[in-house]
Amino acid sequence: MTTPKAGSILLGTTRPAELREWYRRALAPGHEGEGPIDLGGFLLVIDQRDDVGAKNDEPGRMILNFHVDDFDAVEAQLRAAGVEWLAPVADRPSGRFGTFADPDGNYLQIIQFKKDA
């Protein structure tokens, strides 16, 4: 039996240009072009949708996690991009977590797991 590998996510929005620019600035500053945004081998496709609202009404339903090796560097990059932090960065038994939201209200996290976690 084969386990498929997740390769991309489609993010529907009412304002694709604004959301695309935000994701570039916050998470992929070197990305150019109009195609999918490469987030470390996982592709983010942002598309205009008429079947979604301007804000996500249930943003905790799915949180996109980014596993990082240098939490401080990624946190500084996100702060410089002006992300909206939902809670203070937290050290937990399994590692360090930071939760933030995109302009549509979708939740994202950066996580640096402890080596022994």
C-alpha atoms as a PDB file:
ATOM      1  CA  MET A   1       0.000   0.000   0.000  1.00  0.00           C
ATOM      2  CA  THR A   2       1.302   3.482  -0.907  1.00  0.00           C
ATOM      3  CA  THR A   3       1.101   6.505   1.366  1.00  0.00           C
ATOM      4  CA  PRO A   4       0.729   9.650  -0.715  1.00  0.00           C
ATOM      5  CA  LYS A   5       3.010  12.571   0.064  1.00  0.00           C
ATOM      6  CA  ALA A   6       1.430  15.974   0.660  1.00  0.00           C
ATOM      7  CA  GLY A   7       2.849  18.345  -1.921  1.00  0.00           C
ATOM      8  CA  SER A   8       0.728  21.472  -1.859  1.00  0.00           C
ATOM      9  CA  ILE A   9      -2.172  23.289  -0.274  1.00  0.00           C
ATOM     10  CA  LEU A  10      -4.735  25.515  -1.960  1.00  0.00           C
ATOM     11  CA  LEU A  11      -5.553  28.632   0.008  1.00  0.00           C
ATOM     12  CA  GLY A  12      -8.784  30.214  -1.193  1.00  0.00           C
ATOM     13  CA  THR A  13      -9.236  33.928  -0.596  1.00  0.00           C
ATOM     14  CA  THR A  14     -11.225  36.948  -1.693  1.00  0.00           C
ATOM     15  CA  ARG A  15      -8.014  38.955  -2.135  1.00  0.00           C
ATOM     16  CA  PRO A  16      -5.311  36.789  -3.714  1.00  0.00           C
ATOM     17  CA  ALA A  17      -2.824  39.552  -4.606  1.00  0.00           C
ATOM     18  CA  GLU A  18      -2.711  40.893  -1.038  1.00  0.00           C
ATOM     19  CA  LEU A  19      -2.469  37.443   0.521  1.00  0.00           C
ATOM     20  CA  ARG A  20       0.213  36.346  -1.944  1.00  0.00           C
ATOM     21  CA  GLU A  21       2.318  39.402  -1.146  1.00  0.00           C
ATOM     22  CA  TRP A  22       1.923  38.771   2.597  1.00  0.00           C
ATOM     23  CA  TYR A  23       3.086  35.133   2.275  1.00  0.00           C
ATOM     24  CA  ARG A  24       6.047  36.197   0.156  1.00  0.00           C
ATOM     25  CA  ARG A  25       7.083  38.903   2.633  1.00  0.00           C
ATOM     26  CA  ALA A  26       6.580  36.743   5.726  1.00  0.00           C
ATOM     27  CA  LEU A  27       7.677  33.281   4.639  1.00  0.00           C
ATOM     28  CA  ALA A  28       9.307  33.312   1.210  1.00  0.00           C
ATOM     29  CA  PRO A  29      11.095  36.633   0.655  1.00  0.00           C
ATOM     30  CA  GLY A  30      13.150  35.203  -2.205  1.00  0.00           C
ATOM     31  CA  HIS A  31      10.138  33.928  -4.153  1.00  0.00           C
ATOM     32  CA  GLU A  32       9.429  35.531  -7.515  1.00  0.00           C
ATOM     33  CA  GLY A  33       6.819  34.913 -10.174  1.00  0.00           C
ATOM     34  CA  GLU A  34       3.123  34.215 -10.179  1.00  0.00           C
ATOM     35  CA  GLY A  35       3.097  30.446  -9.688  1.00  0.00           C
ATOM     36  CA  PRO A  36       2.841  28.509  -6.441  1.00  0.00           C
ATOM     37  CA  ILE A  37       5.012  29.744  -3.575  1.00  0.00           C
ATOM     38  CA  ASP A  38       7.624  27.149  -2.641  1.00  0.00           C
ATOM     39  CA  LEU A  39       7.758  26.749   1.132  1.00  0.00           C
ATOM     40  CA  GLY A  40      10.682  24.371   1.456  1.00  0.00           C
ATOM     41  CA  GLY A  41       9.386  21.836  -1.077  1.00  0.00           C
ATOM     42  CA  PHE A  42       5.725  22.228  -0.077  1.00  0.00           C
ATOM     43  CA  LEU A  43       3.797  24.428  -2.488  1.00  0.00           C
ATOM     44  CA  LEU A  44       1.301  27.104  -1.485  1.00  0.00           C
ATOM     45  CA  VAL A  45      -1.265  27.868  -4.167  1.00  0.00           C
ATOM     46  CA  ILE A  46      -3.293  31.036  -3.538  1.00  0.00           C
ATOM     47  CA  ASP A  47      -6.486  31.349  -5.545  1.00  0.00           C
ATOM     48  CA  GLN A  48      -9.410  33.750  -5.858  1.00  0.00           C
ATOM     49  CA  ARG A  49     -12.555  32.021  -4.552  1.00  0.00           C
ATOM     50  CA  ASP A  50     -16.161  33.124  -4.510  1.00  0.00           C
ATOM     51  CA  ASP A  51     -17.218  30.463  -1.989  1.00  0.00           C
ATOM     52  CA  VAL A  52     -15.205  31.834   0.983  1.00  0.00           C
ATOM     53  CA  GLY A  53     -15.627  34.885   3.180  1.00  0.00           C
ATOM     54  CA  ALA A  54     -13.082  37.646   3.669  1.00  0.00           C
ATOM     55  CA  LYS A  55     -12.092  36.183   7.074  1.00  0.00           C
ATOM     56  CA  ASN A  56     -11.774  32.586   8.240  1.00  0.00           C
ATOM     57  CA  ASP A  57     -14.543  32.029  10.810  1.00  0.00           C
ATOM     58  CA  GLU A  58     -12.889  28.907  12.290  1.00  0.00           C
ATOM     59  CA  PRO A  59      -9.136  29.458  11.999  1.00  0.00           C
ATOM     60  CA  GLY A  60      -8.242  26.877  14.644  1.00  0.00           C
ATOM     61  CA  ARG A  61      -9.714  24.066  12.556  1.00  0.00           C
ATOM     62  CA  MET A  62      -6.470  23.682  10.596  1.00  0.00           C
ATOM     63  CA  ILE A  63      -3.123  25.242  11.498  1.00  0.00           C
ATOM     64  CA  LEU A  64      -0.255  25.160   9.035  1.00  0.00           C
ATOM     65  CA  ASN A  65       2.953  24.337  10.926  1.00  0.00           C
ATOM     66  CA  PHE A  66       6.452  25.235   9.820  1.00  0.00           C
ATOM     67  CA  HIS A  67       9.254  23.238  11.444  1.00  0.00           C
ATOM     68  CA  VAL A  68      12.343  25.417  11.790  1.00  0.00           C
ATOM     69  CA  ASP A  69      15.951  24.851  12.833  1.00  0.00           C
ATOM     70  CA  ASP A  70      16.616  28.439  13.932  1.00  0.00           C
ATOM     71  CA  PHE A  71      13.522  29.726  15.726  1.00  0.00           C
ATOM     72  CA  ASP A  72      15.023  33.103  16.589  1.00  0.00           C
ATOM     73  CA  ALA A  73      15.923  33.870  12.963  1.00  0.00           C
ATOM     74  CA  VAL A  74      12.475  32.932  11.642  1.00  0.00           C
ATOM     75  CA  GLU A  75      10.754  34.795  14.467  1.00  0.00           C
ATOM     76  CA  ALA A  76      12.771  37.929  13.610  1.00  0.00           C
ATOM     77  CA  GLN A  77      11.877  37.565   9.906  1.00  0.00           C
ATOM     78  CA  LEU A  78       8.181  37.283  10.792  1.00  0.00           C
ATOM     79  CA  ARG A  79       8.296  40.240  13.177  1.00  0.00           C
ATOM     80  CA  ALA A  80      10.007  42.342  10.497  1.00  0.00           C
ATOM     81  CA  ALA A  81       7.180  41.380   8.117  1.00  0.00           C
ATOM     82  CA  GLY A  82       4.663  42.620  10.705  1.00  0.00           C
ATOM     83  CA  VAL A  83       2.841  39.361  11.373  1.00  0.00           C
ATOM     84  CA  GLU A  84      -0.050  39.321  13.846  1.00  0.00           C
ATOM     85  CA  TRP A  85       1.059  37.121  16.760  1.00  0.00           C
ATOM     86  CA  LEU A  86      -1.858  35.387  18.465  1.00  0.00           C
ATOM     87  CA  ALA A  87      -0.004  34.559  21.657  1.00  0.00           C
ATOM     88  CA  PRO A  88       3.480  35.122  23.030  1.00  0.00           C
ATOM     89  CA  VAL A  89       6.137  32.707  21.824  1.00  0.00           C
ATOM     90  CA  ALA A  90       6.069  29.755  24.201  1.00  0.00           C
ATOM     91  CA  ASP A  91       8.644  27.236  25.343  1.00  0.00           C
ATOM     92  CA  ARG A  92       6.899  23.889  25.828  1.00  0.00           C
ATOM     93  CA  PRO A  93       8.244  20.507  26.881  1.00  0.00           C
ATOM     94  CA  SER A  94       8.506  19.429  23.229  1.00  0.00           C
ATOM     95  CA  GLY A  95       9.988  22.667  21.887  1.00  0.00           C
ATOM     96  CA  ARG A  96       9.377  26.312  21.074  1.00  0.00           C
ATOM     97  CA  PHE A  97       6.140  27.488  19.434  1.00  0.00           C
ATOM     98  CA  GLY A  98       4.942  30.750  17.893  1.00  0.00           C
ATOM     99  CA  THR A  99       1.410  31.135  16.534  1.00  0.00           C
ATOM    100  CA  PHE A 100       0.401  33.911  14.154  1.00  0.00           C
ATOM    101  CA  ALA A 101      -2.294  34.725  11.596  1.00  0.00           C
ATOM    102  CA  ASP A 102      -2.328  35.766   7.964  1.00  0.00           C
ATOM    103  CA  PRO A 103      -4.505  38.684   6.768  1.00  0.00           C
ATOM    104  CA  ASP A 104      -7.466  36.322   6.164  1.00  0.00           C
ATOM    105  CA  GLY A 105      -7.241  35.084   9.763  1.00  0.00           C
ATOM    106  CA  ASN A 106      -5.756  31.645   8.988  1.00  0.00           C
ATOM    107  CA  TYR A 107      -3.522  30.346  11.776  1.00  0.00           C
ATOM    108  CA  LEU A 108       0.092  29.346  11.222  1.00  0.00           C
ATOM    109  CA  GLN A 109       2.833  28.248  13.609  1.00  0.00           C
ATOM    110  CA  ILE A 110       6.583  28.074  13.658  1.00  0.00           C
ATOM    111  CA  ILE A 111       7.930  25.210  15.738  1.00  0.00           C
ATOM    112  CA  GLN A 112      11.432  24.256  16.725  1.00  0.00           C
ATOM    113  CA  PHE A 113      11.195  20.822  18.323  1.00  0.00           C
ATOM    114  CA  LYS A 114      13.738  19.834  20.948  1.00  0.00           C
ATOM    115  CA  LYS A 115      16.215  17.274  19.725  1.00  0.00           C
ATOM    116  CA  ASP A 116      15.017  14.681  22.249  1.00  0.00           C
ATOM    117  CA  ALA A 117      11.285  15.352  21.801  1.00  0.00           C
END
